Amino acid sequence: MRVGRLYGIDMHVNGWFLFQLSLFFVAGILDKGLILFGVVLVHEIAHTIAAMRLGVQVLEVELLPFGGVARLGSELALDTRKEIAVAVAGPLSNMAMIGLALGFRSYGLIDEELGRFFIQSNMMLAGFNLLPALPLDGGRVMRAYLAKWMGLRQATYLCTGMGQAWAVVISSLAILGLLLGISGLDVLILGLFIFYAATREKSTAPYLFVRQLTHKKKELVDTGVMSAETVVSLENVPLREVIKPFVPQKFHLVMVINKEMKFSYMISEIEVVDALLNHGMDYPVGKIKSK
């Protein structure tokens, strides 16, 4: 549900988040629900401001039960440094709010009970979002780090898999808590939603990988210089295998070897990507410059 615009960006509240607020209302603690709403909103605004200052397109912001999602341009995942900066902005905003609340509370400027809930909400949101699992902030930091070594696609698969695993653990504990009467339905909703969000993020991995490859050409034109790495491949190897070692912020040169293990020729990453887009993943690398 759209609730307004901020800095020209549409702000949405997910239906599950509204359901969570309704649980607070039924329990007679709507004031705490509104505090939670404000904490989540500031967390997402921090992501949004960081992205905008780094020149990343912000499409919309949606508030979710576990925090929220600032839907950013897909180019963010292609720049690991920007992705890390945007990801940590949310938890840092929570830590800043904790510091402010502690200062106000020491002077008796805020209600003791609500102030304690405000601090706890910020601690939980920051701590939870720092878990190393997509789609959480910690997962984005972890993906950005791993992408340097294993490539964006494999890093996305690994981190979303961890997100799904955490979701299963949370949902299982929530069901156990419901049976024992020690937790509410909101924890189960949280687990299910994380699984859904991780699965949705996982489905973008192939698209992000292709974007990563096509982005290199623009990046090289803009900078003029880029660090390079060499990949050695036999002529009959399909492109799907050739591109697996490709990582962000490195330009790759593919040395093609014939069946006698002798050097045939060398092609650039751009030539590999062009062949991939024109002929598909199963096209043999040896046919790019076949004689």
C-alpha atoms as a PDB file:
ATOM      1  CA  MET A   1       0.000   0.000   0.000  1.00  0.00           C
ATOM      2  CA  ARG A   2       1.397   3.391  -1.022  1.00  0.00           C
ATOM      3  CA  VAL A   3       1.527   5.808   1.933  1.00  0.00           C
ATOM      4  CA  GLY A   4       3.298   8.798   0.392  1.00  0.00           C
ATOM      5  CA  ARG A   5       6.419  10.143  -1.312  1.00  0.00           C
ATOM      6  CA  LEU A   6       9.752  11.219   0.143  1.00  0.00           C
ATOM      7  CA  TYR A   7      12.442  12.917  -1.973  1.00  0.00           C
ATOM      8  CA  GLY A   8      10.289  11.966  -4.971  1.00  0.00           C
ATOM      9  CA  ILE A   9      10.370   8.259  -4.029  1.00  0.00           C
ATOM     10  CA  ASP A  10       7.205   6.218  -3.490  1.00  0.00           C
ATOM     11  CA  MET A  11       6.886   4.849   0.069  1.00  0.00           C
ATOM     12  CA  HIS A  12       4.921   1.597   0.453  1.00  0.00           C
ATOM     13  CA  VAL A  13       3.840  -0.437   3.483  1.00  0.00           C
ATOM     14  CA  ASN A  14       3.644  -4.193   2.947  1.00  0.00           C
ATOM     15  CA  GLY A  15       0.411  -5.928   3.960  1.00  0.00           C
ATOM     16  CA  TRP A  16       2.279  -8.191   6.389  1.00  0.00           C
ATOM     17  CA  PHE A  17       3.648  -5.117   8.167  1.00  0.00           C
ATOM     18  CA  LEU A  18       0.128  -3.718   8.522  1.00  0.00           C
ATOM     19  CA  PHE A  19      -0.947  -7.086   9.934  1.00  0.00           C
ATOM     20  CA  GLN A  20       1.896  -6.854  12.436  1.00  0.00           C
ATOM     21  CA  LEU A  21       0.695  -3.385  13.487  1.00  0.00           C
ATOM     22  CA  SER A  22      -2.834  -4.749  13.888  1.00  0.00           C
ATOM     23  CA  LEU A  23      -1.470  -7.344  16.326  1.00  0.00           C
ATOM     24  CA  PHE A  24      -0.010  -4.506  18.404  1.00  0.00           C
ATOM     25  CA  PHE A  25      -3.412  -2.774  18.309  1.00  0.00           C
ATOM     26  CA  VAL A  26      -5.288  -5.895  19.435  1.00  0.00           C
ATOM     27  CA  ALA A  27      -2.770  -6.348  22.246  1.00  0.00           C
ATOM     28  CA  GLY A  28      -3.386  -2.754  23.361  1.00  0.00           C
ATOM     29  CA  ILE A  29       0.163  -1.578  22.641  1.00  0.00           C
ATOM     30  CA  LEU A  30      -0.336   0.414  19.449  1.00  0.00           C
ATOM     31  CA  ASP A  31       2.081   3.067  20.748  1.00  0.00           C
ATOM     32  CA  LYS A  32       4.857   0.479  20.608  1.00  0.00           C
ATOM     33  CA  GLY A  33       3.715  -0.552  17.143  1.00  0.00           C
ATOM     34  CA  LEU A  34       4.038   3.041  15.945  1.00  0.00           C
ATOM     35  CA  ILE A  35       7.514   3.254  17.490  1.00  0.00           C
ATOM     36  CA  LEU A  36       8.485   0.123  15.560  1.00  0.00           C
ATOM     37  CA  PHE A  37       7.047   1.676  12.388  1.00  0.00           C
ATOM     38  CA  GLY A  38       9.187   4.789  12.927  1.00  0.00           C
ATOM     39  CA  VAL A  39      12.345   2.758  13.603  1.00  0.00           C
ATOM     40  CA  VAL A  40      11.880   0.738  10.406  1.00  0.00           C
ATOM     41  CA  LEU A  41      11.121   3.899   8.414  1.00  0.00           C
ATOM     42  CA  VAL A  42      14.310   5.659   9.564  1.00  0.00           C
ATOM     43  CA  HIS A  43      16.322   2.501   8.795  1.00  0.00           C
ATOM     44  CA  GLU A  44      15.067   2.491   5.198  1.00  0.00           C
ATOM     45  CA  ILE A  45      15.454   6.251   4.781  1.00  0.00           C
ATOM     46  CA  ALA A  46      19.122   5.809   5.752  1.00  0.00           C
ATOM     47  CA  HIS A  47      19.540   3.244   2.955  1.00  0.00           C
ATOM     48  CA  THR A  48      17.782   5.593   0.543  1.00  0.00           C
ATOM     49  CA  ILE A  49      19.881   8.654   1.396  1.00  0.00           C
ATOM     50  CA  ALA A  50      23.116   6.639   1.146  1.00  0.00           C
ATOM     51  CA  ALA A  51      22.085   5.291  -2.256  1.00  0.00           C
ATOM     52  CA  MET A  52      21.099   8.707  -3.586  1.00  0.00           C
ATOM     53  CA  ARG A  53      24.369  10.289  -2.436  1.00  0.00           C
ATOM     54  CA  LEU A  54      26.272   7.547  -4.267  1.00  0.00           C
ATOM     55  CA  GLY A  55      24.303   8.179  -7.452  1.00  0.00           C
ATOM     56  CA  VAL A  56      22.284   4.954  -7.290  1.00  0.00           C
ATOM     57  CA  GLN A  57      18.715   5.092  -8.609  1.00  0.00           C
ATOM     58  CA  VAL A  58      16.076   4.531  -5.900  1.00  0.00           C
ATOM     59  CA  LEU A  59      12.856   3.120  -7.362  1.00  0.00           C
ATOM     60  CA  GLU A  60      10.701   2.790  -4.224  1.00  0.00           C
ATOM     61  CA  VAL A  61      10.813   1.900  -0.533  1.00  0.00           C
ATOM     62  CA  GLU A  62       8.644  -0.833   0.985  1.00  0.00           C
ATOM     63  CA  LEU A  63       8.360  -1.422   4.737  1.00  0.00           C
ATOM     64  CA  LEU A  64       8.349  -5.121   5.657  1.00  0.00           C
ATOM     65  CA  PRO A  65       7.992  -7.053   8.939  1.00  0.00           C
ATOM     66  CA  PHE A  66      11.770  -7.516   9.328  1.00  0.00           C
ATOM     67  CA  GLY A  67      12.738  -4.016   8.256  1.00  0.00           C
ATOM     68  CA  GLY A  68      12.128  -3.044   4.690  1.00  0.00           C
ATOM     69  CA  VAL A  69      13.419  -2.996   1.157  1.00  0.00           C
ATOM     70  CA  ALA A  70      14.680   0.027  -0.717  1.00  0.00           C
ATOM     71  CA  ARG A  71      14.291  -1.086  -4.329  1.00  0.00           C
ATOM     72  CA  LEU A  72      17.429   0.228  -5.938  1.00  0.00           C
ATOM     73  CA  GLY A  73      18.767   0.155  -9.463  1.00  0.00           C
ATOM     74  CA  SER A  74      20.388  -3.186 -10.307  1.00  0.00           C
ATOM     75  CA  GLU A  75      23.680  -1.383 -10.968  1.00  0.00           C
ATOM     76  CA  LEU A  76      24.263  -1.265  -7.182  1.00  0.00           C
ATOM     77  CA  ALA A  77      25.134  -4.973  -6.986  1.00  0.00           C
ATOM     78  CA  LEU A  78      27.724  -4.430  -9.737  1.00  0.00           C
ATOM     79  CA  ASP A  79      29.728  -2.045  -7.538  1.00  0.00           C
ATOM     80  CA  THR A  80      30.738  -3.884  -4.375  1.00  0.00           C
ATOM     81  CA  ARG A  81      31.933  -0.767  -2.558  1.00  0.00           C
ATOM     82  CA  LYS A  82      28.655   1.065  -3.116  1.00  0.00           C
ATOM     83  CA  GLU A  83      26.621  -1.998  -2.117  1.00  0.00           C
ATOM     84  CA  ILE A  84      28.513  -2.263   1.182  1.00  0.00           C
ATOM     85  CA  ALA A  85      28.099   1.465   1.900  1.00  0.00           C
ATOM     86  CA  VAL A  86      24.349   1.397   1.240  1.00  0.00           C
ATOM     87  CA  ALA A  87      23.867  -1.832   3.216  1.00  0.00           C
ATOM     88  CA  VAL A  88      25.595  -0.631   6.401  1.00  0.00           C
ATOM     89  CA  ALA A  89      23.754   2.718   6.378  1.00  0.00           C
ATOM     90  CA  GLY A  90      20.599   1.102   7.814  1.00  0.00           C
ATOM     91  CA  PRO A  91      22.168  -0.555  10.885  1.00  0.00           C
ATOM     92  CA  LEU A  92      24.309   2.549  11.476  1.00  0.00           C
ATOM     93  CA  SER A  93      21.139   4.657  11.657  1.00  0.00           C
ATOM     94  CA  ASN A  94      19.777   2.279  14.313  1.00  0.00           C
ATOM     95  CA  MET A  95      22.981   2.616  16.341  1.00  0.00           C
ATOM     96  CA  ALA A  96      22.757   6.399  16.067  1.00  0.00           C
ATOM     97  CA  MET A  97      19.149   6.319  17.333  1.00  0.00           C
ATOM     98  CA  ILE A  98      20.210   4.113  20.253  1.00  0.00           C
ATOM     99  CA  GLY A  99      22.858   6.690  21.192  1.00  0.00           C
ATOM    100  CA  LEU A 100      20.328   9.541  21.017  1.00  0.00           C
ATOM    101  CA  ALA A 101      17.761   7.620  23.063  1.00  0.00           C
ATOM    102  CA  LEU A 102      20.308   6.801  25.771  1.00  0.00           C
ATOM    103  CA  GLY A 103      21.240  10.476  25.951  1.00  0.00           C
ATOM    104  CA  PHE A 104      17.608  11.638  26.182  1.00  0.00           C
ATOM    105  CA  ARG A 105      16.800   8.967  28.766  1.00  0.00           C
ATOM    106  CA  SER A 106      19.714   9.995  30.977  1.00  0.00           C
ATOM    107  CA  TYR A 107      18.132  13.464  31.201  1.00  0.00           C
ATOM    108  CA  GLY A 108      14.635  12.063  31.759  1.00  0.00           C
ATOM    109  CA  LEU A 109      13.351  13.472  28.473  1.00  0.00           C
ATOM    110  CA  ILE A 110      11.569  10.302  27.296  1.00  0.00           C
ATOM    111  CA  ASP A 111       9.185   7.819  28.900  1.00  0.00           C
ATOM    112  CA  GLU A 112      11.156   5.023  30.591  1.00  0.00           C
ATOM    113  CA  GLU A 113       9.115   2.095  29.232  1.00  0.00           C
ATOM    114  CA  LEU A 114       8.697   3.439  25.707  1.00  0.00           C
ATOM    115  CA  GLY A 115      12.325   4.558  25.655  1.00  0.00           C
ATOM    116  CA  ARG A 116      13.444   1.061  26.579  1.00  0.00           C
ATOM    117  CA  PHE A 117      11.242  -0.412  23.830  1.00  0.00           C
ATOM    118  CA  PHE A 118      12.655   2.117  21.337  1.00  0.00           C
ATOM    119  CA  ILE A 119      16.225   1.086  22.205  1.00  0.00           C
ATOM    120  CA  GLN A 120      15.366  -2.630  22.089  1.00  0.00           C
ATOM    121  CA  SER A 121      13.649  -2.223  18.702  1.00  0.00           C
ATOM    122  CA  ASN A 122      16.717  -0.535  17.247  1.00  0.00           C
ATOM    123  CA  MET A 123      19.045  -3.157  18.711  1.00  0.00           C
ATOM    124  CA  MET A 124      16.938  -6.018  17.339  1.00  0.00           C
ATOM    125  CA  LEU A 125      16.525  -4.448  13.890  1.00  0.00           C
ATOM    126  CA  ALA A 126      20.238  -3.644  13.568  1.00  0.00           C
ATOM    127  CA  GLY A 127      21.376  -7.019  14.923  1.00  0.00           C
ATOM    128  CA  PHE A 128      18.924  -9.012  12.838  1.00  0.00           C
ATOM    129  CA  ASN A 129      19.735  -7.160   9.622  1.00  0.00           C
ATOM    130  CA  LEU A 130      23.451  -7.782  10.131  1.00  0.00           C
ATOM    131  CA  LEU A 131      22.984 -11.554   9.816  1.00  0.00           C
ATOM    132  CA  PRO A 132      25.083 -12.730   6.823  1.00  0.00           C
ATOM    133  CA  ALA A 133      22.134 -13.800   4.685  1.00  0.00           C
ATOM    134  CA  LEU A 134      20.316 -12.186   1.763  1.00  0.00           C
ATOM    135  CA  PRO A 135      18.022 -10.256   1.616  1.00  0.00           C
ATOM    136  CA  LEU A 136      19.283  -8.798   4.916  1.00  0.00           C
ATOM    137  CA  ASP A 137      21.899  -6.031   5.045  1.00  0.00           C
ATOM    138  CA  GLY A 138      24.574  -8.381   6.366  1.00  0.00           C
ATOM    139  CA  GLY A 139      23.909 -10.654   3.410  1.00  0.00           C
ATOM    140  CA  ARG A 140      24.484  -7.789   0.989  1.00  0.00           C
ATOM    141  CA  VAL A 141      27.806  -6.977   2.649  1.00  0.00           C
ATOM    142  CA  MET A 142      28.784 -10.647   2.524  1.00  0.00           C
ATOM    143  CA  ARG A 143      27.770 -10.954  -1.150  1.00  0.00           C
ATOM    144  CA  ALA A 144      29.791  -7.873  -2.065  1.00  0.00           C
ATOM    145  CA  TYR A 145      32.843  -9.358  -0.350  1.00  0.00           C
ATOM    146  CA  LEU A 146      32.430 -12.866  -1.797  1.00  0.00           C
ATOM    147  CA  ALA A 147      31.722 -11.558  -5.312  1.00  0.00           C
ATOM    148  CA  LYS A 148      35.341 -10.421  -5.529  1.00  0.00           C
ATOM    149  CA  TRP A 149      36.459 -14.035  -5.229  1.00  0.00           C
ATOM    150  CA  MET A 150      33.711 -16.219  -6.670  1.00  0.00           C
ATOM    151  CA  GLY A 151      31.723 -13.901  -8.934  1.00  0.00           C
ATOM    152  CA  LEU A 152      28.370 -12.210  -8.422  1.00  0.00           C
ATOM    153  CA  ARG A 153      26.171 -15.140  -9.448  1.00  0.00           C
ATOM    154  CA  GLN A 154      27.723 -17.719  -7.105  1.00  0.00           C
ATOM    155  CA  ALA A 155      27.888 -15.195  -4.262  1.00  0.00           C
ATOM    156  CA  THR A 156      24.180 -14.427  -4.724  1.00  0.00           C
ATOM    157  CA  TYR A 157      23.263 -18.121  -4.730  1.00  0.00           C
ATOM    158  CA  LEU A 158      25.295 -18.741  -1.577  1.00  0.00           C
ATOM    159  CA  CYS A 159      23.947 -15.762   0.382  1.00  0.00           C
ATOM    160  CA  THR A 160      20.305 -16.325  -0.622  1.00  0.00           C
ATOM    161  CA  GLY A 161      20.711 -19.986   0.323  1.00  0.00           C
ATOM    162  CA  MET A 162      21.838 -18.841   3.760  1.00  0.00           C
ATOM    163  CA  GLY A 163      18.809 -16.542   3.887  1.00  0.00           C
ATOM    164  CA  GLN A 164      16.501 -19.473   3.163  1.00  0.00           C
ATOM    165  CA  ALA A 165      18.271 -21.549   5.825  1.00  0.00           C
ATOM    166  CA  TRP A 166      17.843 -18.811   8.435  1.00  0.00           C
ATOM    167  CA  ALA A 167      14.180 -18.498   7.437  1.00  0.00           C
ATOM    168  CA  VAL A 168      13.632 -22.231   8.013  1.00  0.00           C
ATOM    169  CA  VAL A 169      15.324 -22.014  11.434  1.00  0.00           C
ATOM    170  CA  ILE A 170      13.261 -18.968  12.457  1.00  0.00           C
ATOM    171  CA  SER A 171       9.993 -20.532  11.226  1.00  0.00           C
ATOM    172  CA  SER A 172      10.719 -23.824  12.994  1.00  0.00           C
ATOM    173  CA  LEU A 173      11.504 -22.053  16.270  1.00  0.00           C
ATOM    174  CA  ALA A 174       8.377 -19.910  15.826  1.00  0.00           C
ATOM    175  CA  ILE A 175       6.177 -23.001  15.428  1.00  0.00           C
ATOM    176  CA  LEU A 176       7.778 -24.536  18.518  1.00  0.00           C
ATOM    177  CA  GLY A 177       7.247 -21.272  20.389  1.00  0.00           C
ATOM    178  CA  LEU A 178       3.574 -21.186  19.384  1.00  0.00           C
ATOM    179  CA  LEU A 179       3.076 -24.751  20.615  1.00  0.00           C
ATOM    180  CA  LEU A 180       4.750 -23.887  23.920  1.00  0.00           C
ATOM    181  CA  GLY A 181       2.919 -20.563  24.161  1.00  0.00           C
ATOM    182  CA  ILE A 182       6.100 -18.490  24.435  1.00  0.00           C
ATOM    183  CA  SER A 183       6.031 -16.613  21.105  1.00  0.00           C
ATOM    184  CA  GLY A 184       3.504 -14.996  18.807  1.00  0.00           C
ATOM    185  CA  LEU A 185       2.425 -15.435  15.220  1.00  0.00           C
ATOM    186  CA  ASP A 186       4.542 -12.476  14.135  1.00  0.00           C
ATOM    187  CA  VAL A 187       7.778 -14.484  14.447  1.00  0.00           C
ATOM    188  CA  LEU A 188       6.411 -17.163  12.099  1.00  0.00           C
ATOM    189  CA  ILE A 189       5.337 -14.465   9.624  1.00  0.00           C
ATOM    190  CA  LEU A 190       8.850 -13.049   9.804  1.00  0.00           C
ATOM    191  CA  GLY A 191      10.429 -16.414   8.960  1.00  0.00           C
ATOM    192  CA  LEU A 192       8.069 -17.087   6.064  1.00  0.00           C
ATOM    193  CA  PHE A 193       8.603 -13.631   4.622  1.00  0.00           C
ATOM    194  CA  ILE A 194      12.393 -13.937   4.767  1.00  0.00           C
ATOM    195  CA  PHE A 195      12.159 -17.231   2.867  1.00  0.00           C
ATOM    196  CA  TYR A 196       9.977 -15.580   0.230  1.00  0.00           C
ATOM    197  CA  ALA A 197      12.282 -12.557  -0.082  1.00  0.00           C
ATOM    198  CA  ALA A 198      15.418 -14.743  -0.281  1.00  0.00           C
ATOM    199  CA  THR A 199      13.830 -16.893  -2.997  1.00  0.00           C
ATOM    200  CA  ARG A 200      12.872 -13.801  -4.985  1.00  0.00           C
ATOM    201  CA  GLU A 201      16.403 -12.427  -4.638  1.00  0.00           C
ATOM    202  CA  LYS A 202      17.855 -15.762  -5.753  1.00  0.00           C
ATOM    203  CA  SER A 203      15.862 -15.625  -8.988  1.00  0.00           C
ATOM    204  CA  THR A 204      17.681 -12.411  -9.962  1.00  0.00           C
ATOM    205  CA  ALA A 205      21.153 -14.027  -9.882  1.00  0.00           C
ATOM    206  CA  PRO A 206      21.381 -14.914 -13.614  1.00  0.00           C
ATOM    207  CA  TYR A 207      20.117 -11.454 -14.607  1.00  0.00           C
ATOM    208  CA  LEU A 208      22.607  -9.727 -12.288  1.00  0.00           C
ATOM    209  CA  PHE A 209      25.425 -11.827 -13.678  1.00  0.00           C
ATOM    210  CA  VAL A 210      24.647 -10.835 -17.273  1.00  0.00           C
ATOM    211  CA  ARG A 211      24.381  -7.197 -16.157  1.00  0.00           C
ATOM    212  CA  GLN A 212      27.774  -7.556 -14.483  1.00  0.00           C
ATOM    213  CA  LEU A 213      29.335  -8.804 -17.709  1.00  0.00           C
ATOM    214  CA  THR A 214      27.780  -6.149 -19.950  1.00  0.00           C
ATOM    215  CA  HIS A 215      28.619  -3.415 -17.416  1.00  0.00           C
ATOM    216  CA  LYS A 216      32.364  -4.073 -17.759  1.00  0.00           C
ATOM    217  CA  LYS A 217      32.527  -2.479 -21.213  1.00  0.00           C
ATOM    218  CA  LYS A 218      31.038   0.787 -19.941  1.00  0.00           C
ATOM    219  CA  GLU A 219      33.252   0.682 -16.853  1.00  0.00           C
ATOM    220  CA  LEU A 220      36.392   0.270 -18.978  1.00  0.00           C
ATOM    221  CA  VAL A 221      35.357   3.103 -21.310  1.00  0.00           C
ATOM    222  CA  ASP A 222      34.706   5.387 -18.313  1.00  0.00           C
ATOM    223  CA  THR A 223      37.934   4.627 -16.428  1.00  0.00           C
ATOM    224  CA  GLY A 224      40.269   3.840 -19.322  1.00  0.00           C
ATOM    225  CA  VAL A 225      42.185   1.365 -17.136  1.00  0.00           C
ATOM    226  CA  MET A 226      41.164  -1.816 -15.310  1.00  0.00           C
ATOM    227  CA  SER A 227      43.010  -4.638 -13.564  1.00  0.00           C
ATOM    228  CA  ALA A 228      43.061  -7.833 -15.634  1.00  0.00           C
ATOM    229  CA  GLU A 229      43.084 -11.572 -15.046  1.00  0.00           C
ATOM    230  CA  THR A 230      43.747 -14.408 -17.477  1.00  0.00           C
ATOM    231  CA  VAL A 231      41.511 -17.458 -17.887  1.00  0.00           C
ATOM    232  CA  VAL A 232      42.798 -20.497 -19.800  1.00  0.00           C
ATOM    233  CA  SER A 233      40.258 -22.639 -21.680  1.00  0.00           C
ATOM    234  CA  LEU A 234      40.188 -25.501 -24.174  1.00  0.00           C
ATOM    235  CA  GLU A 235      38.479 -24.813 -27.516  1.00  0.00           C
ATOM    236  CA  ASN A 236      35.501 -27.122 -26.905  1.00  0.00           C
ATOM    237  CA  VAL A 237      34.495 -25.637 -23.547  1.00  0.00           C
ATOM    238  CA  PRO A 238      31.033 -23.937 -23.573  1.00  0.00           C
ATOM    239  CA  LEU A 239      30.796 -20.285 -22.628  1.00  0.00           C
ATOM    240  CA  ARG A 240      28.801 -21.118 -19.485  1.00  0.00           C
ATOM    241  CA  GLU A 241      31.979 -22.678 -18.057  1.00  0.00           C
ATOM    242  CA  VAL A 242      34.339 -20.023 -19.405  1.00  0.00           C
ATOM    243  CA  ILE A 243      32.539 -17.173 -17.628  1.00  0.00           C
ATOM    244  CA  LYS A 244      32.380 -18.853 -14.207  1.00  0.00           C
ATOM    245  CA  PRO A 245      35.734 -17.407 -13.049  1.00  0.00           C
ATOM    246  CA  PHE A 246      34.714 -13.869 -14.092  1.00  0.00           C
ATOM    247  CA  VAL A 247      34.504 -11.521 -11.093  1.00  0.00           C
ATOM    248  CA  PRO A 248      33.484  -7.848 -10.677  1.00  0.00           C
ATOM    249  CA  GLN A 249      36.003  -5.033 -11.161  1.00  0.00           C
ATOM    250  CA  LYS A 250      38.427  -7.263 -13.077  1.00  0.00           C
ATOM    251  CA  PHE A 251      38.741  -7.431 -16.865  1.00  0.00           C
ATOM    252  CA  HIS A 252      39.313 -10.966 -18.135  1.00  0.00           C
ATOM    253  CA  LEU A 253      41.378 -12.199 -21.067  1.00  0.00           C
ATOM    254  CA  VAL A 254      40.656 -15.748 -22.220  1.00  0.00           C
ATOM    255  CA  MET A 255      43.593 -17.743 -23.562  1.00  0.00           C
ATOM    256  CA  VAL A 256      42.218 -20.477 -25.835  1.00  0.00           C
ATOM    257  CA  ILE A 257      44.216 -23.728 -26.037  1.00  0.00           C
ATOM    258  CA  ASN A 258      43.710 -26.375 -28.759  1.00  0.00           C
ATOM    259  CA  LYS A 259      43.438 -30.136 -28.212  1.00  0.00           C
ATOM    260  CA  GLU A 260      47.237 -30.467 -28.526  1.00  0.00           C
ATOM    261  CA  MET A 261      47.485 -28.086 -25.556  1.00  0.00           C
ATOM    262  CA  LYS A 262      49.053 -25.407 -27.725  1.00  0.00           C
ATOM    263  CA  PHE A 263      48.132 -21.729 -27.704  1.00  0.00           C
ATOM    264  CA  SER A 264      45.559 -20.805 -30.367  1.00  0.00           C
ATOM    265  CA  TYR A 265      44.604 -17.208 -29.643  1.00  0.00           C
ATOM    266  CA  MET A 266      43.470 -14.829 -26.930  1.00  0.00           C
ATOM    267  CA  ILE A 267      40.090 -13.084 -26.753  1.00  0.00           C
ATOM    268  CA  SER A 268      38.762 -10.382 -24.474  1.00  0.00           C
ATOM    269  CA  GLU A 269      35.903 -10.593 -22.021  1.00  0.00           C
ATOM    270  CA  ILE A 270      33.878  -8.293 -24.278  1.00  0.00           C
ATOM    271  CA  GLU A 271      34.183 -10.763 -27.167  1.00  0.00           C
ATOM    272  CA  VAL A 272      33.080 -13.588 -24.875  1.00  0.00           C
ATOM    273  CA  VAL A 273      30.042 -11.616 -23.684  1.00  0.00           C
ATOM    274  CA  ASP A 274      29.065 -10.671 -27.247  1.00  0.00           C
ATOM    275  CA  ALA A 275      29.229 -14.347 -28.284  1.00  0.00           C
ATOM    276  CA  LEU A 276      27.225 -15.349 -25.213  1.00  0.00           C
ATOM    277  CA  LEU A 277      24.460 -12.856 -25.989  1.00  0.00           C
ATOM    278  CA  ASN A 278      24.376 -13.784 -29.693  1.00  0.00           C
ATOM    279  CA  HIS A 279      24.787 -17.563 -29.504  1.00  0.00           C
ATOM    280  CA  GLY A 280      23.867 -18.628 -25.968  1.00  0.00           C
ATOM    281  CA  MET A 281      25.573 -20.285 -23.006  1.00  0.00           C
ATOM    282  CA  ASP A 282      26.395 -23.568 -24.800  1.00  0.00           C
ATOM    283  CA  TYR A 283      28.389 -21.968 -27.621  1.00  0.00           C
ATOM    284  CA  PRO A 284      31.989 -23.337 -27.631  1.00  0.00           C
ATOM    285  CA  VAL A 285      34.628 -20.716 -26.940  1.00  0.00           C
ATOM    286  CA  GLY A 286      36.697 -22.125 -29.823  1.00  0.00           C
ATOM    287  CA  LYS A 287      34.104 -20.963 -32.353  1.00  0.00           C
ATOM    288  CA  ILE A 288      34.439 -17.291 -31.477  1.00  0.00           C
ATOM    289  CA  LYS A 289      37.536 -17.020 -33.689  1.00  0.00           C
ATOM    290  CA  SER A 290      37.495 -20.376 -35.437  1.00  0.00           C
ATOM    291  CA  LYS A 291      39.802 -20.718 -38.404  1.00  0.00           C
END
